[in-house]
Structures are given as structure tokens and as C-alpha cells.
């Protein structure tokens, strides 16, 4: 059976940063966060500002992936 990640942490700092964007940018970042946090689908932002915000958020999401993988290597479910 393939392991699938079903949960992830969402940080207040994500919400606060995203809240400063227009609705189009907000939706794009919310989708990027969920797609990466659950399935490791990396977004590709054309706008440098969006890419910059994403890179800062990605560091936290990568840490979550590290913890998740360690848990499964230790036999967790």
C-alpha cells in the first residue's frame, strides 16, 4: 500500500503573509502550500514576489516532510 500524507501543519505566519496579497495571489499560494505539503508538487510562480514568498514558506514545509519521513522510517503509520 502506498503511503500518502493526509495532514500537515499550517502556520499563522503563512496566513498573515497570504492575507496581504490580492485574492488571485492568495488562492495561488494556498494551492501551492496544500499541493506541496500533501503531494510534493512544486509550484512555478512567474512573479518574483510570489516566488520569494513561496521560498520562505517552503522551508517550513520541507521540515514537515522531514519529520513525516522519519516517522515512517521508524514504522509509524
PDB file of N, CA and C in Angstrom:
ATOM      1  N   UNK A   1       0.845  -1.185   0.000  1.00  0.00           N
ATOM      2  CA  UNK A   1       0.000   0.000   0.000  1.00  0.00           C
ATOM      3  C   UNK A   1       0.889   1.247   0.000  1.00  0.00           C
ATOM      4  N   UNK A   2       0.599   2.164  -0.864  1.00  0.00           N
ATOM      5  CA  UNK A   2       1.348   3.404  -0.960  1.00  0.00           C
ATOM      6  C   UNK A   2       1.032   4.308   0.225  1.00  0.00           C
ATOM      7  N   UNK A   3       2.086   4.844   0.834  1.00  0.00           N
ATOM      8  CA  UNK A   3       1.839   5.773   1.937  1.00  0.00           C
ATOM      9  C   UNK A   3       1.482   7.135   1.347  1.00  0.00           C
ATOM     10  N   UNK A   4       0.496   7.752   1.934  1.00  0.00           N
ATOM     11  CA  UNK A   4       0.046   9.075   1.495  1.00  0.00           C
ATOM     12  C   UNK A   4      -0.027   9.976   2.698  1.00  0.00           C
ATOM     13  N   UNK A   5       0.452  11.150   2.521  1.00  0.00           N
ATOM     14  CA  UNK A   5       0.389  12.128   3.597  1.00  0.00           C
ATOM     15  C   UNK A   5      -0.995  12.758   3.593  1.00  0.00           C
ATOM     16  N   UNK A   6      -1.661  12.719   4.729  1.00  0.00           N
ATOM     17  CA  UNK A   6      -3.034  13.214   4.819  1.00  0.00           C
ATOM     18  C   UNK A   6      -3.166  14.505   5.616  1.00  0.00           C
ATOM     19  N   UNK A   7      -2.115  14.891   6.326  1.00  0.00           N
ATOM     20  CA  UNK A   7      -2.179  16.096   7.156  1.00  0.00           C
ATOM     21  C   UNK A   7      -0.869  16.861   7.060  1.00  0.00           C
ATOM     22  N   UNK A   8      -0.915  18.122   7.464  1.00  0.00           N
ATOM     23  CA  UNK A   8       0.287  18.936   7.586  1.00  0.00           C
ATOM     24  C   UNK A   8      -0.023  20.125   8.472  1.00  0.00           C
ATOM     25  N   UNK A   9       1.033  20.755   8.994  1.00  0.00           N
ATOM     26  CA  UNK A   9       0.855  21.953   9.818  1.00  0.00           C
ATOM     27  C   UNK A   9       0.712  23.168   8.912  1.00  0.00           C
ATOM     28  N   UNK A  10      -0.217  24.023   9.286  1.00  0.00           N
ATOM     29  CA  UNK A  10      -0.390  25.299   8.597  1.00  0.00           C
ATOM     30  C   UNK A  10      -0.108  26.386   9.624  1.00  0.00           C
ATOM     31  N   UNK A  11       0.838  27.240   9.333  1.00  0.00           N
ATOM     32  CA  UNK A  11       1.305  28.224  10.298  1.00  0.00           C
ATOM     33  C   UNK A  11       0.578  29.561  10.175  1.00  0.00           C
ATOM     34  N   UNK A  12       0.418  30.199  11.310  1.00  0.00           N
ATOM     35  CA  UNK A  12      -0.199  31.534  11.348  1.00  0.00           C
ATOM     36  C   UNK A  12       0.567  32.502  10.450  1.00  0.00           C
ATOM     37  N   UNK A  13       1.878  32.383  10.419  1.00  0.00           N
ATOM     38  CA  UNK A  13       2.690  33.277   9.580  1.00  0.00           C
ATOM     39  C   UNK A  13       2.340  33.113   8.106  1.00  0.00           C
ATOM     40  N   UNK A  14       1.959  31.900   7.682  1.00  0.00           N
ATOM     41  CA  UNK A  14       1.509  31.698   6.303  1.00  0.00           C
ATOM     42  C   UNK A  14       0.255  32.530   6.053  1.00  0.00           C
ATOM     43  N   UNK A  15      -0.716  32.371   6.952  1.00  0.00           N
ATOM     44  CA  UNK A  15      -1.974  33.097   6.798  1.00  0.00           C
ATOM     45  C   UNK A  15      -1.749  34.601   6.782  1.00  0.00           C
ATOM     46  N   UNK A  16      -0.910  35.079   7.691  1.00  0.00           N
ATOM     47  CA  UNK A  16      -0.657  36.519   7.771  1.00  0.00           C
ATOM     48  C   UNK A  16      -0.010  37.052   6.500  1.00  0.00           C
ATOM     49  N   UNK A  17       0.964  36.338   5.969  1.00  0.00           N
ATOM     50  CA  UNK A  17       1.634  36.771   4.733  1.00  0.00           C
ATOM     51  C   UNK A  17       0.678  36.716   3.544  1.00  0.00           C
ATOM     52  N   UNK A  18      -0.074  35.631   3.442  1.00  0.00           N
ATOM     53  CA  UNK A  18      -1.006  35.469   2.328  1.00  0.00           C
ATOM     54  C   UNK A  18      -2.111  36.514   2.385  1.00  0.00           C
ATOM     55  N   UNK A  19      -2.521  36.900   3.578  1.00  0.00           N
ATOM     56  CA  UNK A  19      -3.582  37.883   3.756  1.00  0.00           C
ATOM     57  C   UNK A  19      -3.234  39.255   3.210  1.00  0.00           C
ATOM     58  N   UNK A  20      -1.971  39.514   2.982  1.00  0.00           N
ATOM     59  CA  UNK A  20      -1.542  40.805   2.451  1.00  0.00           C
ATOM     60  C   UNK A  20      -1.581  40.852   0.918  1.00  0.00           C
ATOM     61  N   UNK A  21      -1.958  39.761   0.292  1.00  0.00           N
ATOM     62  CA  UNK A  21      -1.983  39.679  -1.170  1.00  0.00           C
ATOM     63  C   UNK A  21      -3.399  39.853  -1.689  1.00  0.00           C
ATOM     64  N   UNK A  22      -3.490  40.087  -2.999  1.00  0.00           N
ATOM     65  CA  UNK A  22      -4.810  40.136  -3.613  1.00  0.00           C
ATOM     66  C   UNK A  22      -5.374  38.709  -3.665  1.00  0.00           C
ATOM     67  N   UNK A  23      -6.655  38.590  -3.983  1.00  0.00           N
ATOM     68  CA  UNK A  23      -7.311  37.281  -3.932  1.00  0.00           C
ATOM     69  C   UNK A  23      -6.685  36.271  -4.886  1.00  0.00           C
ATOM     70  N   UNK A  24      -6.261  36.717  -6.047  1.00  0.00           N
ATOM     71  CA  UNK A  24      -5.635  35.802  -7.012  1.00  0.00           C
ATOM     72  C   UNK A  24      -4.338  35.224  -6.433  1.00  0.00           C
ATOM     73  N   UNK A  25      -3.532  36.077  -5.821  1.00  0.00           N
ATOM     74  CA  UNK A  25      -2.293  35.618  -5.200  1.00  0.00           C
ATOM     75  C   UNK A  25      -2.543  34.717  -4.013  1.00  0.00           C
ATOM     76  N   UNK A  26      -3.567  35.051  -3.228  1.00  0.00           N
ATOM     77  CA  UNK A  26      -3.913  34.224  -2.077  1.00  0.00           C
ATOM     78  C   UNK A  26      -4.265  32.810  -2.510  1.00  0.00           C
ATOM     79  N   UNK A  27      -5.124  32.703  -3.503  1.00  0.00           N
ATOM     80  CA  UNK A  27      -5.537  31.384  -3.977  1.00  0.00           C
ATOM     81  C   UNK A  27      -4.346  30.591  -4.506  1.00  0.00           C
ATOM     82  N   UNK A  28      -3.486  31.259  -5.257  1.00  0.00           N
ATOM     83  CA  UNK A  28      -2.318  30.575  -5.816  1.00  0.00           C
ATOM     84  C   UNK A  28      -1.413  30.030  -4.711  1.00  0.00           C
ATOM     85  N   UNK A  29      -1.200  30.814  -3.667  1.00  0.00           N
ATOM     86  CA  UNK A  29      -0.335  30.342  -2.583  1.00  0.00           C
ATOM     87  C   UNK A  29      -1.003  29.268  -1.735  1.00  0.00           C
ATOM     88  N   UNK A  30      -2.298  29.398  -1.469  1.00  0.00           N
ATOM     89  CA  UNK A  30      -2.990  28.338  -0.726  1.00  0.00           C
ATOM     90  C   UNK A  30      -2.896  27.012  -1.489  1.00  0.00           C
ATOM     91  N   UNK A  31      -3.105  27.062  -2.796  1.00  0.00           N
ATOM     92  CA  UNK A  31      -2.994  25.839  -3.604  1.00  0.00           C
ATOM     93  C   UNK A  31      -1.561  25.306  -3.596  1.00  0.00           C
ATOM     94  N   UNK A  32      -0.599  26.199  -3.705  1.00  0.00           N
ATOM     95  CA  UNK A  32       0.801  25.776  -3.699  1.00  0.00           C
ATOM     96  C   UNK A  32       1.158  25.089  -2.382  1.00  0.00           C
ATOM     97  N   UNK A  33       0.716  25.677  -1.292  1.00  0.00           N
ATOM     98  CA  UNK A  33       1.011  25.099   0.029  1.00  0.00           C
ATOM     99  C   UNK A  33       0.398  23.714   0.161  1.00  0.00           C
ATOM    100  N   UNK A  34      -0.875  23.578  -0.155  1.00  0.00           N
ATOM    101  CA  UNK A  34      -1.522  22.276   0.019  1.00  0.00           C
ATOM    102  C   UNK A  34      -0.968  21.234  -0.947  1.00  0.00           C
ATOM    103  N   UNK A  35      -0.727  21.611  -2.186  1.00  0.00           N
ATOM    104  CA  UNK A  35      -0.187  20.654  -3.152  1.00  0.00           C
ATOM    105  C   UNK A  35       1.214  20.194  -2.773  1.00  0.00           C
ATOM    106  N   UNK A  36       2.018  21.101  -2.262  1.00  0.00           N
ATOM    107  CA  UNK A  36       3.378  20.726  -1.876  1.00  0.00           C
ATOM    108  C   UNK A  36       3.371  19.952  -0.549  1.00  0.00           C
ATOM    109  N   UNK A  37       2.607  20.428   0.406  1.00  0.00           N
ATOM    110  CA  UNK A  37       2.598  19.786   1.722  1.00  0.00           C
ATOM    111  C   UNK A  37       2.050  18.361   1.673  1.00  0.00           C
ATOM    112  N   UNK A  38       1.099  18.101   0.810  1.00  0.00           N
ATOM    113  CA  UNK A  38       0.500  16.768   0.739  1.00  0.00           C
ATOM    114  C   UNK A  38       1.129  15.866  -0.318  1.00  0.00           C
ATOM    115  N   UNK A  39       1.521  16.436  -1.454  1.00  0.00           N
ATOM    116  CA  UNK A  39       1.970  15.620  -2.590  1.00  0.00           C
ATOM    117  C   UNK A  39       3.329  16.003  -3.159  1.00  0.00           C
ATOM    118  N   UNK A  40       3.977  16.984  -2.560  1.00  0.00           N
ATOM    119  CA  UNK A  40       5.281  17.487  -3.017  1.00  0.00           C
ATOM    120  C   UNK A  40       5.252  17.966  -4.467  1.00  0.00           C
ATOM    121  N   UNK A  41       4.151  18.563  -4.856  1.00  0.00           N
ATOM    122  CA  UNK A  41       4.057  19.176  -6.181  1.00  0.00           C
ATOM    123  C   UNK A  41       4.579  20.604  -6.078  1.00  0.00           C
ATOM    124  N   UNK A  42       5.705  20.853  -6.699  1.00  0.00           N
ATOM    125  CA  UNK A  42       6.372  22.148  -6.620  1.00  0.00           C
ATOM    126  C   UNK A  42       5.695  23.152  -7.561  1.00  0.00           C
ATOM    127  N   UNK A  43       5.324  24.335  -7.050  1.00  0.00           N
ATOM    128  CA  UNK A  43       4.709  25.351  -7.915  1.00  0.00           C
ATOM    129  C   UNK A  43       5.776  26.080  -8.736  1.00  0.00           C
ATOM    130  N   UNK A  44       5.317  26.762  -9.761  1.00  0.00           N
ATOM    131  CA  UNK A  44       6.202  27.569 -10.586  1.00  0.00           C
ATOM    132  C   UNK A  44       5.555  28.945 -10.736  1.00  0.00           C
ATOM    133  N   UNK A  45       6.025  29.903  -9.957  1.00  0.00           N
ATOM    134  CA  UNK A  45       5.460  31.248  -9.995  1.00  0.00           C
ATOM    135  C   UNK A  45       6.241  32.120 -10.964  1.00  0.00           C
ATOM    136  N   UNK A  46       5.537  32.829 -11.825  1.00  0.00           N
ATOM    137  CA  UNK A  46       6.171  33.730 -12.788  1.00  0.00           C
ATOM    138  C   UNK A  46       6.595  35.038 -12.116  1.00  0.00           C
ATOM    139  N   UNK A  47       5.834  35.458 -11.126  1.00  0.00           N
ATOM    140  CA  UNK A  47       6.122  36.721 -10.452  1.00  0.00           C
ATOM    141  C   UNK A  47       7.201  36.515  -9.386  1.00  0.00           C
ATOM    142  N   UNK A  48       8.260  37.327  -9.417  1.00  0.00           N
ATOM    143  CA  UNK A  48       9.338  37.181  -8.434  1.00  0.00           C
ATOM    144  C   UNK A  48       8.863  37.314  -6.982  1.00  0.00           C
ATOM    145  N   UNK A  49       7.924  38.196  -6.724  1.00  0.00           N
ATOM    146  CA  UNK A  49       7.433  38.373  -5.351  1.00  0.00           C
ATOM    147  C   UNK A  49       6.746  37.098  -4.848  1.00  0.00           C
ATOM    148  N   UNK A  50       5.959  36.474  -5.694  1.00  0.00           N
ATOM    149  CA  UNK A  50       5.289  35.222  -5.301  1.00  0.00           C
ATOM    150  C   UNK A  50       6.320  34.127  -5.060  1.00  0.00           C
ATOM    151  N   UNK A  51       7.331  34.055  -5.912  1.00  0.00           N
ATOM    152  CA  UNK A  51       8.375  33.044  -5.756  1.00  0.00           C
ATOM    153  C   UNK A  51       9.135  33.259  -4.450  1.00  0.00           C
ATOM    154  N   UNK A  52       9.383  34.506  -4.105  1.00  0.00           N
ATOM    155  CA  UNK A  52      10.097  34.818  -2.876  1.00  0.00           C
ATOM    156  C   UNK A  52       9.294  34.364  -1.651  1.00  0.00           C
ATOM    157  N   UNK A  53       8.016  34.697  -1.628  1.00  0.00           N
ATOM    158  CA  UNK A  53       7.159  34.276  -0.509  1.00  0.00           C
ATOM    159  C   UNK A  53       7.120  32.752  -0.442  1.00  0.00           C
ATOM    160  N   UNK A  54       6.988  32.113  -1.599  1.00  0.00           N
ATOM    161  CA  UNK A  54       6.942  30.659  -1.640  1.00  0.00           C
ATOM    162  C   UNK A  54       8.220  30.045  -1.063  1.00  0.00           C
ATOM    163  N   UNK A  55       9.369  30.565  -1.444  1.00  0.00           N
ATOM    164  CA  UNK A  55      10.633  30.009  -0.959  1.00  0.00           C
ATOM    165  C   UNK A  55      10.729  30.075   0.563  1.00  0.00           C
ATOM    166  N   UNK A  56      10.232  31.132   1.160  1.00  0.00           N
ATOM    167  CA  UNK A  56      10.251  31.250   2.617  1.00  0.00           C
ATOM    168  C   UNK A  56       9.308  30.236   3.274  1.00  0.00           C
ATOM    169  N   UNK A  57       8.146  30.032   2.679  1.00  0.00           N
ATOM    170  CA  UNK A  57       7.186  29.063   3.224  1.00  0.00           C
ATOM    171  C   UNK A  57       7.669  27.631   3.010  1.00  0.00           C
ATOM    172  N   UNK A  58       8.303  27.396   1.884  1.00  0.00           N
ATOM    173  CA  UNK A  58       8.761  26.049   1.527  1.00  0.00           C
ATOM    174  C   UNK A  58       9.736  25.490   2.562  1.00  0.00           C
ATOM    175  N   UNK A  59      10.549  26.350   3.155  1.00  0.00           N
ATOM    176  CA  UNK A  59      11.493  25.879   4.174  1.00  0.00           C
ATOM    177  C   UNK A  59      10.755  25.189   5.319  1.00  0.00           C
ATOM    178  N   UNK A  60       9.645  25.767   5.757  1.00  0.00           N
ATOM    179  CA  UNK A  60       8.848  25.164   6.835  1.00  0.00           C
ATOM    180  C   UNK A  60       8.188  23.869   6.365  1.00  0.00           C
ATOM    181  N   UNK A  61       7.685  23.875   5.146  1.00  0.00           N
ATOM    182  CA  UNK A  61       7.028  22.685   4.611  1.00  0.00           C
ATOM    183  C   UNK A  61       8.020  21.538   4.432  1.00  0.00           C
ATOM    184  N   UNK A  62       9.242  21.862   4.008  1.00  0.00           N
ATOM    185  CA  UNK A  62      10.269  20.827   3.871  1.00  0.00           C
ATOM    186  C   UNK A  62      10.593  20.196   5.219  1.00  0.00           C
ATOM    187  N   UNK A  63      10.614  20.991   6.261  1.00  0.00           N
ATOM    188  CA  UNK A  63      10.854  20.446   7.595  1.00  0.00           C
ATOM    189  C   UNK A  63       9.728  19.470   7.974  1.00  0.00           C
ATOM    190  N   UNK A  64       8.502  19.827   7.642  1.00  0.00           N
ATOM    191  CA  UNK A  64       7.377  18.927   7.897  1.00  0.00           C
ATOM    192  C   UNK A  64       7.527  17.610   7.155  1.00  0.00           C
ATOM    193  N   UNK A  65       8.014  17.666   5.907  1.00  0.00           N
ATOM    194  CA  UNK A  65       8.262  16.444   5.149  1.00  0.00           C
ATOM    195  C   UNK A  65       9.356  15.609   5.813  1.00  0.00           C
ATOM    196  N   UNK A  66      10.376  16.240   6.336  1.00  0.00           N
ATOM    197  CA  UNK A  66      11.455  15.519   7.008  1.00  0.00           C
ATOM    198  C   UNK A  66      10.923  14.750   8.212  1.00  0.00           C
ATOM    199  N   UNK A  67      10.109  15.402   9.019  1.00  0.00           N
ATOM    200  CA  UNK A  67       9.515  14.753  10.192  1.00  0.00           C
ATOM    201  C   UNK A  67       8.614  13.597   9.764  1.00  0.00           C
ATOM    202  N   UNK A  68       7.812  13.820   8.751  1.00  0.00           N
ATOM    203  CA  UNK A  68       6.915  12.782   8.231  1.00  0.00           C
ATOM    204  C   UNK A  68       7.703  11.552   7.778  1.00  0.00           C
ATOM    205  N   UNK A  69       8.772  11.765   7.029  1.00  0.00           N
ATOM    206  CA  UNK A  69       9.564  10.646   6.521  1.00  0.00           C
ATOM    207  C   UNK A  69      10.273   9.903   7.652  1.00  0.00           C
ATOM    208  N   UNK A  70      10.765  10.626   8.645  1.00  0.00           N
ATOM    209  CA  UNK A  70      11.396   9.974   9.793  1.00  0.00           C
ATOM    210  C   UNK A  70      10.394   9.098  10.536  1.00  0.00           C
ATOM    211  N   UNK A  71       9.184   9.587  10.660  1.00  0.00           N
ATOM    212  CA  UNK A  71       8.127   8.829  11.339  1.00  0.00           C
ATOM    213  C   UNK A  71       7.871   7.506  10.616  1.00  0.00           C
ATOM    214  N   UNK A  72       7.806   7.539   9.290  1.00  0.00           N
ATOM    215  CA  UNK A  72       7.540   6.318   8.545  1.00  0.00           C
ATOM    216  C   UNK A  72       8.738   5.389   8.506  1.00  0.00           C
ATOM    217  N   UNK A  73       9.941   5.930   8.552  1.00  0.00           N
ATOM    218  CA  UNK A  73      11.123   5.076   8.601  1.00  0.00           C
ATOM    219  C   UNK A  73      11.188   4.318   9.918  1.00  0.00           C
ATOM    220  N   UNK A  74      10.567   4.865  10.946  1.00  0.00           N
ATOM    221  CA  UNK A  74      10.554   4.222  12.254  1.00  0.00           C
ATOM    222  C   UNK A  74       9.340   3.307  12.408  1.00  0.00           C
ATOM    223  N   UNK A  75       8.619   3.098  11.324  1.00  0.00           N
ATOM    224  CA  UNK A  75       7.486   2.168  11.372  1.00  0.00           C
ATOM    225  C   UNK A  75       6.159   2.807  11.718  1.00  0.00           C
ATOM    226  N   UNK A  76       6.076   4.115  11.708  1.00  0.00           N
ATOM    227  CA  UNK A  76       4.803   4.794  12.022  1.00  0.00           C
ATOM    228  C   UNK A  76       3.809   4.684  10.894  1.00  0.00           C
ATOM    229  N   UNK A  77       2.564   5.024  11.197  1.00  0.00           N
ATOM    230  CA  UNK A  77       1.531   4.937  10.174  1.00  0.00           C
ATOM    231  C   UNK A  77       0.744   6.181  10.077  1.00  0.00           C
TER     232      UNK A  77
END
